[in-house]
């Protein structure tokens, strides 16, 4: 297992590498954090983070905690093959090439793209 962390002022880059089977990483961040995440494959869960989020994964399942939908100015999500279950935004879609956009009164953006798997937004 290898984890590299590079901190430059208020920004940090965390890169982890490990075996392809049963490898789990937990990263704790301040509750108010802008987050950019790139995952090749696997399960990704983001809980308790308020701020801008830009998330991309090739394969696996993504779960994102949306504490207050009205905190977001814009939401865009897409799944090439799989399901989108976005209960906080009243969106449920499954199949191929599924996406949605949503506009709200908040100040944050939420952008998620997943090639294959299920995308879930929860409250």
N, C-alpha and C. Protein backbone atom coordinates (compact mmCIF):
# COMPACT_ATOMS: atom_id res chain seq x y z
N UNK A 1 0.85 -1.17 0.00
CA UNK A 1 0.00 0.00 0.00
C UNK A 1 0.89 1.23 0.00
N UNK A 2 0.49 2.19 -0.82
CA UNK A 2 1.26 3.44 -0.88
C UNK A 2 0.30 4.62 -0.88
N UNK A 3 0.59 5.61 -0.05
CA UNK A 3 -0.20 6.84 0.00
C UNK A 3 0.77 8.01 -0.06
N UNK A 4 0.58 8.89 -1.03
CA UNK A 4 1.40 10.09 -1.17
C UNK A 4 0.52 11.30 -0.91
N UNK A 5 1.00 12.22 -0.09
CA UNK A 5 0.26 13.43 0.23
C UNK A 5 1.16 14.62 -0.07
N UNK A 6 0.62 15.55 -0.84
CA UNK A 6 1.34 16.79 -1.16
C UNK A 6 0.46 17.96 -0.76
N UNK A 7 0.97 18.82 0.11
CA UNK A 7 0.21 19.97 0.59
C UNK A 7 0.87 21.24 0.08
N UNK A 8 0.06 22.09 -0.54
CA UNK A 8 0.50 23.41 -1.01
C UNK A 8 -0.50 24.44 -0.53
N UNK A 9 -0.15 25.14 0.52
CA UNK A 9 -1.08 26.13 1.08
C UNK A 9 -2.36 25.46 1.51
N UNK A 10 -3.51 25.96 1.01
CA UNK A 10 -4.80 25.40 1.42
C UNK A 10 -5.21 24.17 0.60
N UNK A 11 -4.36 23.70 -0.33
CA UNK A 11 -4.70 22.56 -1.18
C UNK A 11 -3.86 21.35 -0.84
N UNK A 12 -4.47 20.19 -0.94
CA UNK A 12 -3.75 18.94 -0.72
C UNK A 12 -4.10 17.96 -1.83
N UNK A 13 -3.12 17.20 -2.26
CA UNK A 13 -3.32 16.13 -3.22
C UNK A 13 -2.97 14.83 -2.52
N UNK A 14 -3.90 13.89 -2.54
CA UNK A 14 -3.71 12.59 -1.90
C UNK A 14 -3.85 11.53 -2.98
N UNK A 15 -2.81 10.72 -3.15
CA UNK A 15 -2.83 9.64 -4.13
C UNK A 15 -2.56 8.34 -3.39
N UNK A 16 -3.47 7.37 -3.56
CA UNK A 16 -3.27 6.08 -2.89
C UNK A 16 -3.22 4.98 -3.94
N UNK A 17 -2.39 3.98 -3.67
CA UNK A 17 -2.28 2.81 -4.52
C UNK A 17 -2.20 1.59 -3.63
N UNK A 18 -2.86 0.53 -4.06
CA UNK A 18 -2.84 -0.68 -3.26
C UNK A 18 -3.27 -1.86 -4.08
N UNK A 19 -3.43 -2.99 -3.43
CA UNK A 19 -3.85 -4.19 -4.14
C UNK A 19 -5.25 -4.02 -4.74
N UNK A 20 -5.56 -4.82 -5.73
CA UNK A 20 -6.85 -4.67 -6.40
C UNK A 20 -8.01 -5.33 -5.65
N UNK A 21 -7.71 -6.11 -4.64
CA UNK A 21 -8.76 -6.81 -3.90
C UNK A 21 -8.82 -6.33 -2.45
N UNK A 22 -10.00 -5.93 -2.01
CA UNK A 22 -10.28 -5.60 -0.61
C UNK A 22 -9.35 -4.52 -0.06
N UNK A 23 -9.10 -3.54 -0.84
CA UNK A 23 -8.25 -2.41 -0.44
C UNK A 23 -9.17 -1.26 -0.06
N UNK A 24 -9.01 -0.72 1.13
CA UNK A 24 -9.91 0.32 1.62
C UNK A 24 -9.10 1.48 2.17
N UNK A 25 -9.49 2.70 1.80
CA UNK A 25 -8.84 3.91 2.27
C UNK A 25 -9.91 4.81 2.85
N UNK A 26 -9.65 5.36 4.03
CA UNK A 26 -10.53 6.35 4.63
C UNK A 26 -9.73 7.64 4.76
N UNK A 27 -10.25 8.71 4.18
CA UNK A 27 -9.60 10.02 4.24
C UNK A 27 -10.54 10.96 4.97
N UNK A 28 -10.08 11.54 6.05
CA UNK A 28 -10.88 12.48 6.81
C UNK A 28 -10.47 13.89 6.45
N UNK A 29 -11.47 14.73 6.17
CA UNK A 29 -11.26 16.11 5.75
C UNK A 29 -12.11 17.04 6.59
N UNK A 30 -11.79 18.34 6.60
CA UNK A 30 -12.69 19.29 7.26
C UNK A 30 -14.08 19.24 6.62
N UNK A 31 -15.10 19.49 7.40
CA UNK A 31 -16.48 19.42 6.89
C UNK A 31 -16.71 20.38 5.73
N UNK A 32 -16.07 21.54 5.76
CA UNK A 32 -16.18 22.51 4.65
C UNK A 32 -14.93 22.36 3.79
N UNK A 33 -15.08 21.62 2.69
CA UNK A 33 -13.96 21.32 1.81
C UNK A 33 -14.44 21.28 0.37
N UNK A 34 -13.70 21.91 -0.53
CA UNK A 34 -13.92 21.71 -1.96
C UNK A 34 -13.15 20.45 -2.34
N UNK A 35 -13.80 19.55 -3.07
CA UNK A 35 -13.25 18.23 -3.29
C UNK A 35 -13.25 17.87 -4.77
N UNK A 36 -12.09 17.43 -5.26
CA UNK A 36 -11.96 16.87 -6.60
C UNK A 36 -11.46 15.45 -6.42
N UNK A 37 -12.19 14.48 -6.96
CA UNK A 37 -11.85 13.07 -6.77
C UNK A 37 -11.82 12.36 -8.12
N UNK A 38 -10.75 11.58 -8.33
CA UNK A 38 -10.62 10.73 -9.50
C UNK A 38 -10.34 9.32 -9.01
N UNK A 39 -11.19 8.38 -9.41
CA UNK A 39 -11.05 6.99 -8.98
C UNK A 39 -11.12 6.11 -10.21
N UNK A 40 -10.15 5.22 -10.37
CA UNK A 40 -10.18 4.34 -11.53
C UNK A 40 -11.32 3.32 -11.38
N UNK A 41 -11.40 2.64 -10.26
CA UNK A 41 -12.47 1.66 -10.06
C UNK A 41 -12.61 1.38 -8.57
N UNK A 42 -13.82 1.05 -8.17
CA UNK A 42 -14.07 0.70 -6.78
C UNK A 42 -15.25 1.47 -6.23
N UNK A 43 -15.51 1.27 -4.98
CA UNK A 43 -16.63 1.94 -4.31
C UNK A 43 -16.13 3.22 -3.66
N UNK A 44 -16.86 4.31 -3.86
CA UNK A 44 -16.50 5.61 -3.30
C UNK A 44 -17.68 6.14 -2.52
N UNK A 45 -17.44 6.53 -1.27
CA UNK A 45 -18.47 7.12 -0.43
C UNK A 45 -17.95 8.45 0.11
N UNK A 46 -18.74 9.52 -0.08
CA UNK A 46 -18.38 10.84 0.42
C UNK A 46 -19.48 11.26 1.39
N UNK A 47 -19.09 11.43 2.66
CA UNK A 47 -20.06 11.75 3.71
C UNK A 47 -19.66 13.01 4.44
N UNK A 48 -20.64 13.86 4.77
CA UNK A 48 -20.43 14.99 5.67
C UNK A 48 -19.57 16.11 5.13
N UNK A 49 -19.42 16.21 3.82
CA UNK A 49 -18.60 17.26 3.22
C UNK A 49 -19.50 18.30 2.58
N UNK A 50 -19.35 19.55 2.99
CA UNK A 50 -20.06 20.67 2.38
C UNK A 50 -19.05 21.44 1.55
N UNK A 51 -19.40 21.72 0.31
CA UNK A 51 -18.50 22.46 -0.58
C UNK A 51 -18.67 21.99 -2.01
N UNK A 52 -17.87 22.54 -2.90
CA UNK A 52 -17.90 22.13 -4.30
C UNK A 52 -17.33 20.72 -4.41
N UNK A 53 -17.96 19.92 -5.28
CA UNK A 53 -17.48 18.55 -5.49
C UNK A 53 -17.41 18.28 -7.00
N UNK A 54 -16.28 17.72 -7.42
CA UNK A 54 -16.07 17.28 -8.80
C UNK A 54 -15.55 15.85 -8.71
N UNK A 55 -16.39 14.88 -9.08
CA UNK A 55 -16.08 13.47 -8.85
C UNK A 55 -16.18 12.71 -10.17
N UNK A 56 -15.17 11.88 -10.43
CA UNK A 56 -15.21 11.03 -11.62
C UNK A 56 -14.67 9.64 -11.28
N UNK A 57 -15.35 8.62 -11.79
CA UNK A 57 -14.89 7.25 -11.63
C UNK A 57 -15.22 6.46 -12.89
N UNK A 58 -14.35 5.52 -13.21
CA UNK A 58 -14.60 4.67 -14.38
C UNK A 58 -15.58 3.55 -14.07
N UNK A 59 -15.42 2.89 -12.93
CA UNK A 59 -16.28 1.74 -12.63
C UNK A 59 -16.44 1.60 -11.12
N UNK A 60 -17.65 1.22 -10.72
CA UNK A 60 -17.94 1.02 -9.31
C UNK A 60 -19.18 1.77 -8.91
N UNK A 61 -19.38 1.89 -7.63
CA UNK A 61 -20.54 2.60 -7.10
C UNK A 61 -20.08 3.84 -6.36
N UNK A 62 -20.85 4.92 -6.52
CA UNK A 62 -20.55 6.18 -5.84
C UNK A 62 -21.76 6.56 -4.99
N UNK A 63 -21.51 6.88 -3.72
CA UNK A 63 -22.54 7.39 -2.82
C UNK A 63 -22.06 8.73 -2.30
N UNK A 64 -22.89 9.76 -2.45
CA UNK A 64 -22.55 11.10 -1.98
C UNK A 64 -23.65 11.60 -1.06
N UNK A 65 -23.24 12.02 0.11
CA UNK A 65 -24.15 12.59 1.10
C UNK A 65 -24.44 14.04 0.72
N UNK A 66 -25.70 14.36 0.49
CA UNK A 66 -26.12 15.73 0.18
C UNK A 66 -26.89 16.21 1.40
N UNK A 67 -26.20 16.91 2.27
CA UNK A 67 -26.81 17.33 3.53
C UNK A 67 -27.99 18.25 3.28
N UNK A 68 -27.79 19.29 2.46
CA UNK A 68 -28.85 20.24 2.13
C UNK A 68 -28.83 20.50 0.63
N UNK A 69 -29.78 19.99 -0.13
CA UNK A 69 -29.79 20.23 -1.58
C UNK A 69 -29.76 21.72 -1.93
N UNK A 70 -30.39 22.56 -1.10
CA UNK A 70 -30.43 24.00 -1.39
C UNK A 70 -29.08 24.68 -1.22
N UNK A 71 -28.06 23.95 -0.75
CA UNK A 71 -26.70 24.51 -0.68
C UNK A 71 -26.05 24.57 -2.07
N UNK A 72 -26.67 23.92 -3.05
CA UNK A 72 -26.06 23.82 -4.38
C UNK A 72 -26.67 24.79 -5.38
N UNK A 73 -25.80 25.41 -6.16
CA UNK A 73 -26.20 26.28 -7.26
C UNK A 73 -26.47 25.45 -8.50
N UNK A 74 -25.61 24.45 -8.74
CA UNK A 74 -25.83 23.58 -9.89
C UNK A 74 -25.35 22.17 -9.58
N UNK A 75 -26.09 21.22 -10.11
CA UNK A 75 -25.76 19.81 -9.98
C UNK A 75 -25.84 19.19 -11.36
N UNK A 76 -24.81 18.45 -11.74
CA UNK A 76 -24.87 17.68 -12.97
C UNK A 76 -24.28 16.31 -12.68
N UNK A 77 -24.96 15.28 -13.14
CA UNK A 77 -24.52 13.92 -12.89
C UNK A 77 -24.80 13.08 -14.13
N UNK A 78 -23.88 12.15 -14.42
CA UNK A 78 -24.08 11.27 -15.56
C UNK A 78 -23.52 9.89 -15.27
N UNK A 79 -24.19 8.88 -15.83
CA UNK A 79 -23.76 7.49 -15.76
C UNK A 79 -23.90 6.93 -17.16
N UNK A 80 -22.82 6.36 -17.68
CA UNK A 80 -22.88 5.76 -19.02
C UNK A 80 -23.69 4.47 -18.99
N UNK A 81 -23.41 3.61 -18.03
CA UNK A 81 -24.17 2.36 -17.87
C UNK A 81 -24.40 2.13 -16.39
N UNK A 82 -25.64 2.24 -15.97
CA UNK A 82 -25.94 2.04 -14.55
C UNK A 82 -27.16 2.81 -14.12
N UNK A 83 -27.19 3.21 -12.88
CA UNK A 83 -28.37 3.83 -12.30
C UNK A 83 -27.99 5.12 -11.57
N UNK A 84 -28.88 6.09 -11.64
CA UNK A 84 -28.77 7.30 -10.83
C UNK A 84 -29.96 7.32 -9.88
N UNK A 85 -29.67 7.35 -8.59
CA UNK A 85 -30.70 7.45 -7.56
C UNK A 85 -30.39 8.73 -6.79
N UNK A 86 -31.04 9.80 -7.16
CA UNK A 86 -30.78 11.11 -6.55
C UNK A 86 -32.03 11.59 -5.81
N UNK A 87 -32.38 10.91 -4.76
CA UNK A 87 -33.59 11.22 -4.00
C UNK A 87 -33.66 12.69 -3.56
N UNK A 88 -32.56 13.31 -3.08
CA UNK A 88 -32.66 14.72 -2.66
C UNK A 88 -33.06 15.67 -3.80
N UNK A 89 -32.84 15.23 -5.06
CA UNK A 89 -33.17 16.06 -6.22
C UNK A 89 -34.37 15.48 -6.99
N UNK A 90 -35.00 14.45 -6.41
CA UNK A 90 -36.18 13.81 -6.98
C UNK A 90 -35.91 13.25 -8.38
N UNK A 91 -34.77 12.55 -8.53
CA UNK A 91 -34.38 11.97 -9.81
C UNK A 91 -34.05 10.49 -9.61
N UNK A 92 -34.62 9.63 -10.48
CA UNK A 92 -34.34 8.21 -10.50
C UNK A 92 -34.26 7.77 -11.95
N UNK A 93 -33.08 7.29 -12.38
CA UNK A 93 -32.91 6.87 -13.77
C UNK A 93 -32.00 5.65 -13.81
N UNK A 94 -32.24 4.78 -14.76
CA UNK A 94 -31.39 3.62 -14.92
C UNK A 94 -31.27 3.24 -16.38
N UNK A 95 -30.20 2.55 -16.72
CA UNK A 95 -30.00 2.11 -18.10
C UNK A 95 -28.70 2.65 -18.66
N UNK A 96 -28.74 3.00 -19.93
CA UNK A 96 -27.56 3.50 -20.63
C UNK A 96 -27.65 5.00 -20.86
N UNK A 97 -26.54 5.68 -20.74
CA UNK A 97 -26.42 7.11 -21.03
C UNK A 97 -27.45 7.95 -20.26
N UNK A 98 -27.43 7.83 -18.94
CA UNK A 98 -28.36 8.57 -18.09
C UNK A 98 -27.67 9.78 -17.48
N UNK A 99 -28.41 10.88 -17.39
CA UNK A 99 -27.84 12.09 -16.79
C UNK A 99 -28.97 12.99 -16.30
N UNK A 100 -28.60 13.97 -15.49
CA UNK A 100 -29.55 15.00 -15.09
C UNK A 100 -28.78 16.24 -14.67
N UNK A 101 -29.47 17.36 -14.73
CA UNK A 101 -28.95 18.62 -14.21
C UNK A 101 -30.01 19.21 -13.29
N UNK A 102 -29.56 20.02 -12.35
CA UNK A 102 -30.46 20.61 -11.37
C UNK A 102 -29.88 21.97 -10.98
N UNK A 103 -30.74 22.95 -10.80
CA UNK A 103 -30.33 24.30 -10.37
C UNK A 103 -30.98 24.61 -9.04
N UNK A 104 -30.22 25.27 -8.18
CA UNK A 104 -30.75 25.62 -6.87
C UNK A 104 -30.26 26.98 -6.42
N UNK A 105 -30.63 27.40 -5.21
CA UNK A 105 -30.32 28.74 -4.72
C UNK A 105 -28.94 28.86 -4.05
N UNK A 106 -28.23 27.74 -3.89
CA UNK A 106 -26.99 27.75 -3.12
C UNK A 106 -25.78 28.30 -3.85
N UNK A 107 -24.61 28.08 -3.27
CA UNK A 107 -23.38 28.63 -3.84
C UNK A 107 -22.41 27.55 -4.31
N UNK A 108 -22.70 26.28 -4.07
CA UNK A 108 -21.77 25.21 -4.43
C UNK A 108 -22.18 24.52 -5.73
N UNK A 109 -21.19 23.86 -6.35
CA UNK A 109 -21.46 23.04 -7.53
C UNK A 109 -21.17 21.59 -7.19
N UNK A 110 -21.90 20.70 -7.84
CA UNK A 110 -21.72 19.27 -7.67
C UNK A 110 -21.73 18.65 -9.06
N UNK A 111 -20.60 18.08 -9.46
CA UNK A 111 -20.47 17.47 -10.77
C UNK A 111 -19.94 16.06 -10.59
N UNK A 112 -20.69 15.07 -11.11
CA UNK A 112 -20.31 13.67 -10.94
C UNK A 112 -20.46 12.96 -12.27
N UNK A 113 -19.44 12.20 -12.66
CA UNK A 113 -19.55 11.35 -13.84
C UNK A 113 -19.01 9.96 -13.51
N UNK A 114 -19.76 8.97 -13.95
CA UNK A 114 -19.44 7.57 -13.69
C UNK A 114 -19.64 6.81 -14.99
N UNK A 115 -18.65 6.03 -15.37
CA UNK A 115 -18.78 5.28 -16.62
C UNK A 115 -19.68 4.06 -16.43
N UNK A 116 -19.38 3.21 -15.46
CA UNK A 116 -20.18 2.01 -15.23
C UNK A 116 -20.38 1.79 -13.75
N UNK A 117 -21.64 1.73 -13.33
CA UNK A 117 -21.95 1.50 -11.92
C UNK A 117 -23.18 2.27 -11.51
N UNK A 118 -23.39 2.36 -10.23
CA UNK A 118 -24.55 3.06 -9.69
C UNK A 118 -24.12 4.30 -8.93
N UNK A 119 -24.86 5.38 -9.15
CA UNK A 119 -24.60 6.65 -8.49
C UNK A 119 -25.78 6.95 -7.57
N UNK A 120 -25.47 7.23 -6.30
CA UNK A 120 -26.52 7.46 -5.33
C UNK A 120 -26.22 8.74 -4.55
N UNK A 121 -27.21 9.64 -4.50
CA UNK A 121 -27.16 10.81 -3.64
C UNK A 121 -28.12 10.55 -2.49
N UNK A 122 -27.65 10.75 -1.26
CA UNK A 122 -28.49 10.49 -0.09
C UNK A 122 -28.51 11.71 0.81
N UNK A 123 -29.53 11.77 1.67
CA UNK A 123 -29.64 12.84 2.67
C UNK A 123 -29.49 12.27 4.04
